[in-house]
C-alpha atoms as a PDB file:
ATOM      1  CA  MET A   1     -14.334 -44.179 -12.748  1.00  0.00           C
ATOM      2  CA  THR A   2     -16.735 -46.956 -11.086  1.00  0.00           C
ATOM      3  CA  SER A   3     -20.037 -46.480 -12.655  1.00  0.00           C
ATOM      4  CA  GLY A   4     -21.858 -44.917  -9.347  1.00  0.00           C
ATOM      5  CA  GLN A   5     -19.100 -42.523  -9.342  1.00  0.00           C
ATOM      6  CA  ARG A   6     -20.157 -41.840 -13.378  1.00  0.00           C
ATOM      7  CA  LEU A   7     -23.797 -41.680 -11.997  1.00  0.00           C
ATOM      8  CA  ARG A   8     -22.669 -39.082  -8.934  1.00  0.00           C
ATOM      9  CA  GLN A   9     -21.149 -36.706 -11.705  1.00  0.00           C
ATOM     10  CA  ILE A  10     -24.038 -37.366 -14.121  1.00  0.00           C
ATOM     11  CA  ALA A  11     -26.788 -36.723 -10.909  1.00  0.00           C
ATOM     12  CA  ASN A  12     -24.621 -33.324  -9.668  1.00  0.00           C
ATOM     13  CA  VAL A  13     -24.224 -31.778 -13.461  1.00  0.00           C
ATOM     14  CA  LEU A  14     -28.036 -32.196 -13.490  1.00  0.00           C
ATOM     15  CA  ASN A  15     -28.507 -31.106 -10.074  1.00  0.00           C
ATOM     16  CA  GLY A  16     -26.584 -28.058 -10.785  1.00  0.00           C
ATOM     17  CA  SER A  17     -24.307 -28.005  -8.299  1.00  0.00           C
ATOM     18  CA  THR A  18     -21.469 -29.194 -10.107  1.00  0.00           C
ATOM     19  CA  PRO A  19     -21.845 -26.107 -12.485  1.00  0.00           C
ATOM     20  CA  LEU A  20     -22.034 -23.831  -9.307  1.00  0.00           C
ATOM     21  CA  GLY A  21     -18.890 -25.535  -8.048  1.00  0.00           C
ATOM     22  CA  LEU A  22     -17.223 -24.532 -11.162  1.00  0.00           C
ATOM     23  CA  LEU A  23     -18.551 -20.780 -11.324  1.00  0.00           C
ATOM     24  CA  ILE A  24     -17.089 -20.724  -7.693  1.00  0.00           C
ATOM     25  CA  ALA A  25     -14.059 -21.874  -8.750  1.00  0.00           C
ATOM     26  CA  ALA A  26     -13.576 -19.659 -12.031  1.00  0.00           C
ATOM     27  CA  SER A  27     -15.009 -16.501  -9.601  1.00  0.00           C
ATOM     28  CA  ALA A  28     -11.772 -17.291  -7.315  1.00  0.00           C
ATOM     29  CA  ARG A  29      -9.553 -17.628 -10.020  1.00  0.00           C
ATOM     30  CA  THR A  30      -8.442 -21.141  -9.194  1.00  0.00           C
ATOM     31  CA  ARG A  31      -6.770 -24.020 -11.135  1.00  0.00           C
ATOM     32  CA  VAL A  32      -9.320 -27.203 -11.733  1.00  0.00           C
ATOM     33  CA  ARG A  33      -7.867 -30.058 -13.463  1.00  0.00           C
ATOM     34  CA  ARG A  34      -9.886 -33.819 -13.333  1.00  0.00           C
ATOM     35  CA  GLY A  35      -8.893 -35.395 -10.119  1.00  0.00           C
ATOM     36  CA  PRO A  36     -10.310 -39.498  -9.239  1.00  0.00           C
ATOM     37  CA  GLY A  37     -13.239 -40.791  -9.420  1.00  0.00           C
ATOM     38  CA  GLY A  38     -14.697 -37.928 -11.349  1.00  0.00           C
ATOM     39  CA  LEU A  39     -14.078 -35.064  -9.239  1.00  0.00           C
ATOM     40  CA  LEU A  40     -12.808 -31.680 -10.288  1.00  0.00           C
ATOM     41  CA  ILE A  41     -10.005 -30.635  -8.153  1.00  0.00           C
ATOM     42  CA  ALA A  42      -9.594 -26.926  -7.925  1.00  0.00           C
ATOM     43  CA  THR A  43      -6.617 -25.806  -6.100  1.00  0.00           C
ATOM     44  CA  ASP A  44      -5.023 -22.416  -4.742  1.00  0.00           C
ATOM     45  CA  TYR A  45      -8.717 -21.346  -3.282  1.00  0.00           C
ATOM     46  CA  ARG A  46      -7.657 -17.826  -1.505  1.00  0.00           C
ATOM     47  CA  TRP A  47     -10.990 -16.588  -0.031  1.00  0.00           C
ATOM     48  CA  ARG A  48     -11.759 -16.204   3.299  1.00  0.00           C
ATOM     49  CA  LEU A  49     -14.693 -18.456   3.447  1.00  0.00           C
ATOM     50  CA  PRO A  50     -15.519 -21.319   4.295  1.00  0.00           C
ATOM     51  CA  PHE A  51     -12.807 -21.583   7.065  1.00  0.00           C
ATOM     52  CA  ALA A  52     -11.682 -25.016   5.550  1.00  0.00           C
ATOM     53  CA  GLY A  53      -8.654 -26.239   3.847  1.00  0.00           C
ATOM     54  CA  ALA A  54     -11.269 -27.787   1.518  1.00  0.00           C
ATOM     55  CA  PHE A  55     -14.772 -27.902   0.682  1.00  0.00           C
ATOM     56  CA  THR A  56     -17.183 -29.838  -1.975  1.00  0.00           C
ATOM     57  CA  VAL A  57     -19.333 -27.848  -4.217  1.00  0.00           C
ATOM     58  CA  GLY A  58     -20.771 -30.978  -6.488  1.00  0.00           C
ATOM     59  CA  ASN A  59     -18.215 -32.844  -7.971  1.00  0.00           C
ATOM     60  CA  VAL A  60     -15.803 -29.949  -7.548  1.00  0.00           C
ATOM     61  CA  VAL A  61     -13.484 -30.249  -4.355  1.00  0.00           C
ATOM     62  CA  LEU A  62     -11.995 -27.038  -3.633  1.00  0.00           C
ATOM     63  CA  PHE A  63      -8.299 -26.951  -2.052  1.00  0.00           C
ATOM     64  CA  ARG A  64      -6.338 -23.955  -0.181  1.00  0.00           C
ATOM     65  CA  ALA A  65      -3.196 -26.325  -1.587  1.00  0.00           C
ATOM     66  CA  GLY A  66      -1.837 -26.779  -5.139  1.00  0.00           C
ATOM     67  CA  PHE A  67      -2.607 -30.075  -6.790  1.00  0.00           C
ATOM     68  CA  GLU A  68      -0.031 -32.538  -5.509  1.00  0.00           C
ATOM     69  CA  ARG A  69      -0.369 -31.529  -2.075  1.00  0.00           C
ATOM     70  CA  ALA A  70      -4.447 -31.913  -2.432  1.00  0.00           C
ATOM     71  CA  LEU A  71      -3.996 -35.543  -4.107  1.00  0.00           C
ATOM     72  CA  ALA A  72      -0.703 -36.687  -1.299  1.00  0.00           C
ATOM     73  CA  ASP A  73      -4.021 -36.779   1.172  1.00  0.00           C
ATOM     74  CA  PRO A  74      -5.878 -39.330  -0.079  1.00  0.00           C
ATOM     75  CA  ALA A  75      -8.259 -39.550   3.636  1.00  0.00           C
ATOM     76  CA  LEU A  76      -9.186 -35.843   3.145  1.00  0.00           C
ATOM     77  CA  LEU A  77      -9.856 -36.752  -0.802  1.00  0.00           C
ATOM     78  CA  GLY A  78     -11.945 -39.574   0.349  1.00  0.00           C
ATOM     79  CA  HIS A  79     -13.810 -37.379   2.983  1.00  0.00           C
ATOM     80  CA  GLU A  80     -14.548 -34.943   0.110  1.00  0.00           C
ATOM     81  CA  GLU A  81     -15.929 -37.476  -2.583  1.00  0.00           C
ATOM     82  CA  ARG A  82     -18.025 -38.320  -0.150  1.00  0.00           C
ATOM     83  CA  HIS A  83     -19.655 -35.068   0.115  1.00  0.00           C
ATOM     84  CA  SER A  84     -20.070 -34.938  -3.605  1.00  0.00           C
ATOM     85  CA  SER A  85     -22.298 -37.976  -3.200  1.00  0.00           C
ATOM     86  CA  GLN A  86     -23.888 -36.215  -0.528  1.00  0.00           C
ATOM     87  CA  TYR A  87     -24.861 -33.750  -2.984  1.00  0.00           C
ATOM     88  CA  ALA A  88     -26.231 -35.941  -5.301  1.00  0.00           C
ATOM     89  CA  TRP A  89     -28.498 -37.812  -2.603  1.00  0.00           C
ATOM     90  CA  CYS A  90     -29.709 -34.338  -2.035  1.00  0.00           C
ATOM     91  CA  PHE A  91     -30.080 -33.455  -5.262  1.00  0.00           C
ATOM     92  CA  GLY A  92     -27.875 -30.408  -5.456  1.00  0.00           C
ATOM     93  CA  ALA A  93     -28.448 -27.252  -3.895  1.00  0.00           C
ATOM     94  CA  PRO A  94     -31.047 -28.587  -0.674  1.00  0.00           C
ATOM     95  CA  PHE A  95     -27.542 -29.842   0.559  1.00  0.00           C
ATOM     96  CA  LEU A  96     -26.304 -26.362   1.086  1.00  0.00           C
ATOM     97  CA  ALA A  97     -29.234 -25.399   3.387  1.00  0.00           C
ATOM     98  CA  LEU A  98     -29.441 -29.106   5.221  1.00  0.00           C
ATOM     99  CA  TYR A  99     -25.464 -28.861   5.893  1.00  0.00           C
ATOM    100  CA  LEU A 100     -25.604 -25.083   7.279  1.00  0.00           C
ATOM    101  CA  LEU A 101     -28.337 -26.515   9.663  1.00  0.00           C
ATOM    102  CA  ALA A 102     -26.742 -29.463  10.965  1.00  0.00           C
ATOM    103  CA  ALA A 103     -23.199 -27.245  11.149  1.00  0.00           C
ATOM    104  CA  GLY A 104     -25.629 -24.763  13.353  1.00  0.00           C
ATOM    105  CA  TRP A 105     -26.638 -27.549  15.507  1.00  0.00           C
ATOM    106  CA  SER A 106     -23.525 -28.843  15.919  1.00  0.00           C
ATOM    107  CA  VAL A 107     -22.029 -25.614  17.060  1.00  0.00           C
ATOM    108  CA  LEU A 108     -24.862 -25.391  19.545  1.00  0.00           C
ATOM    109  CA  ARG A 109     -24.384 -29.030  20.546  1.00  0.00           C
ATOM    110  CA  THR A 110     -20.309 -29.330  20.545  1.00  0.00           C
ATOM    111  CA  GLY A 111     -19.537 -25.733  19.939  1.00  0.00           C
ATOM    112  CA  ASN A 112     -17.833 -27.227  16.527  1.00  0.00           C
ATOM    113  CA  PRO A 113     -19.781 -26.930  13.560  1.00  0.00           C
ATOM    114  CA  GLY A 114     -18.453 -30.794  12.649  1.00  0.00           C
ATOM    115  CA  SER A 115     -18.259 -32.791  15.701  1.00  0.00           C
ATOM    116  CA  ALA A 116     -22.122 -33.505  15.570  1.00  0.00           C
ATOM    117  CA  ASN A 117     -22.883 -32.559  12.041  1.00  0.00           C
ATOM    118  CA  MET A 118     -24.839 -35.714  10.378  1.00  0.00           C
ATOM    119  CA  PHE A 119     -22.635 -35.081   7.114  1.00  0.00           C
ATOM    120  CA  GLU A 120     -19.383 -34.681   8.592  1.00  0.00           C
ATOM    121  CA  ARG A 121     -19.948 -37.485  10.616  1.00  0.00           C
ATOM    122  CA  LEU A 122     -21.039 -39.712   7.697  1.00  0.00           C
ATOM    123  CA  ALA A 123     -18.400 -37.988   5.322  1.00  0.00           C
ATOM    124  CA  GLY A 124     -15.774 -39.265   8.396  1.00  0.00           C
ATOM    125  CA  LEU A 125     -14.829 -36.836  11.019  1.00  0.00           C
ATOM    126  CA  GLN A 126     -11.272 -37.592  11.600  1.00  0.00           C
ATOM    127  CA  ALA A 127     -10.636 -37.627   7.466  1.00  0.00           C
ATOM    128  CA  GLY A 128     -11.986 -33.992   7.864  1.00  0.00           C
ATOM    129  CA  GLY A 129     -10.080 -32.837  10.446  1.00  0.00           C
ATOM    130  CA  TYR A 130     -12.895 -32.421  13.085  1.00  0.00           C
ATOM    131  CA  PRO A 131     -12.614 -33.294  16.846  1.00  0.00           C
ATOM    132  CA  ASP A 132     -15.421 -36.148  17.509  1.00  0.00           C
ATOM    133  CA  LEU A 133     -16.411 -34.340  20.137  1.00  0.00           C
ATOM    134  CA  LYS A 134     -19.512 -35.408  22.497  1.00  0.00           C
ATOM    135  CA  PRO A 135     -22.298 -33.091  23.147  1.00  0.00           C
ATOM    136  CA  PRO A 136     -22.275 -32.844  27.166  1.00  0.00           C
ATOM    137  CA  ALA A 137     -24.433 -35.080  29.474  1.00  0.00           C
ATOM    138  CA  PRO A 138     -27.043 -34.360  31.507  1.00  0.00           C
ATOM    139  CA  PRO A 139     -25.530 -34.282  35.231  1.00  0.00           C
ATOM    140  CA  LEU A 140     -26.604 -37.589  36.828  1.00  0.00           C
ATOM    141  CA  SER A 141     -27.639 -38.074  40.466  1.00  0.00           C
ATOM    142  CA  THR A 142     -26.232 -40.804  43.056  1.00  0.00           C
ATOM    143  CA  ARG A 143     -28.959 -43.222  41.717  1.00  0.00           C
ATOM    144  CA  GLY A 144     -28.017 -42.683  37.992  1.00  0.00           C
ATOM    145  CA  ALA A 145     -31.074 -40.823  36.806  1.00  0.00           C
ATOM    146  CA  PRO A 146     -30.739 -37.538  35.224  1.00  0.00           C
ATOM    147  CA  ILE A 147     -30.993 -34.391  38.031  1.00  0.00           C
ATOM    148  CA  PRO A 148     -33.633 -31.971  36.549  1.00  0.00           C
ATOM    149  CA  THR A 149     -32.042 -29.095  34.812  1.00  0.00           C
ATOM    150  CA  ARG A 150     -35.108 -26.759  35.997  1.00  0.00           C
ATOM    151  CA  ARG A 151     -37.759 -26.562  39.166  1.00  0.00           C
ATOM    152  CA  VAL A 152     -41.055 -27.922  38.077  1.00  0.00           C
ATOM    153  CA  PRO A 153     -43.700 -25.087  39.498  1.00  0.00           C
ATOM    154  CA  THR A 154     -45.736 -26.644  42.049  1.00  0.00           C
ATOM    155  CA  ARG A 155     -49.430 -25.264  43.449  1.00  0.00           C
ATOM    156  CA  LYS A 156     -48.861 -22.640  45.456  1.00  0.00           C
ATOM    157  CA  LEU A 157     -50.425 -23.506  48.740  1.00  0.00           C
ATOM    158  CA  LEU A 158     -52.389 -21.101  51.168  1.00  0.00           C
ATOM    159  CA  PRO A 159     -50.733 -19.116  54.272  1.00  0.00           C
ATOM    160  CA  TRP A 160     -52.327 -21.373  56.356  1.00  0.00           C
ATOM    161  CA  LYS A 161     -51.423 -25.078  54.822  1.00  0.00           C
ATOM    162  CA  GLU A 162     -48.014 -23.851  54.368  1.00  0.00           C
ATOM    163  CA  ALA A 163     -47.952 -23.491  58.174  1.00  0.00           C
ATOM    164  CA  GLY A 164     -48.817 -26.981  58.685  1.00  0.00           C
ATOM    165  CA  ARG A 165     -52.335 -26.083  60.062  1.00  0.00           C
ATOM    166  CA  ASP A 166     -55.812 -27.404  58.793  1.00  0.00           C
END
């Protein structure tokens, strides 16, 4: 384990996110084992939420798959390890609120909770199984300028000025 991984491990214990992850793992009756980089791998997670093959709380990575299968996907494990670091940088529990806001923003922009979510982008979209969708661009005129999507209100003219009379 590197010194950075050890520091992340300590930070996530102190900020309460790893104990929360262990509480979730115990409540869901998963089996927890030590994994690479100071991570704890909880396997056979069966609760309905969240809708993911794996998710991280502190240094605890909860997988729906078994232990061997979890370790067999180094890209996904690396993705989840980056989320573990995000917990440390966000001081634990605030990460959850920030992540939910980012996921909501992503759904509004792309219809997918991960594609425009800054935390998923920083962790690696492909490794996390998210498509790299771009938010729809505004339509362009023939000159390349955006077409206004709503009409700008104008001042109402007096009836005789509308007909071209003074």
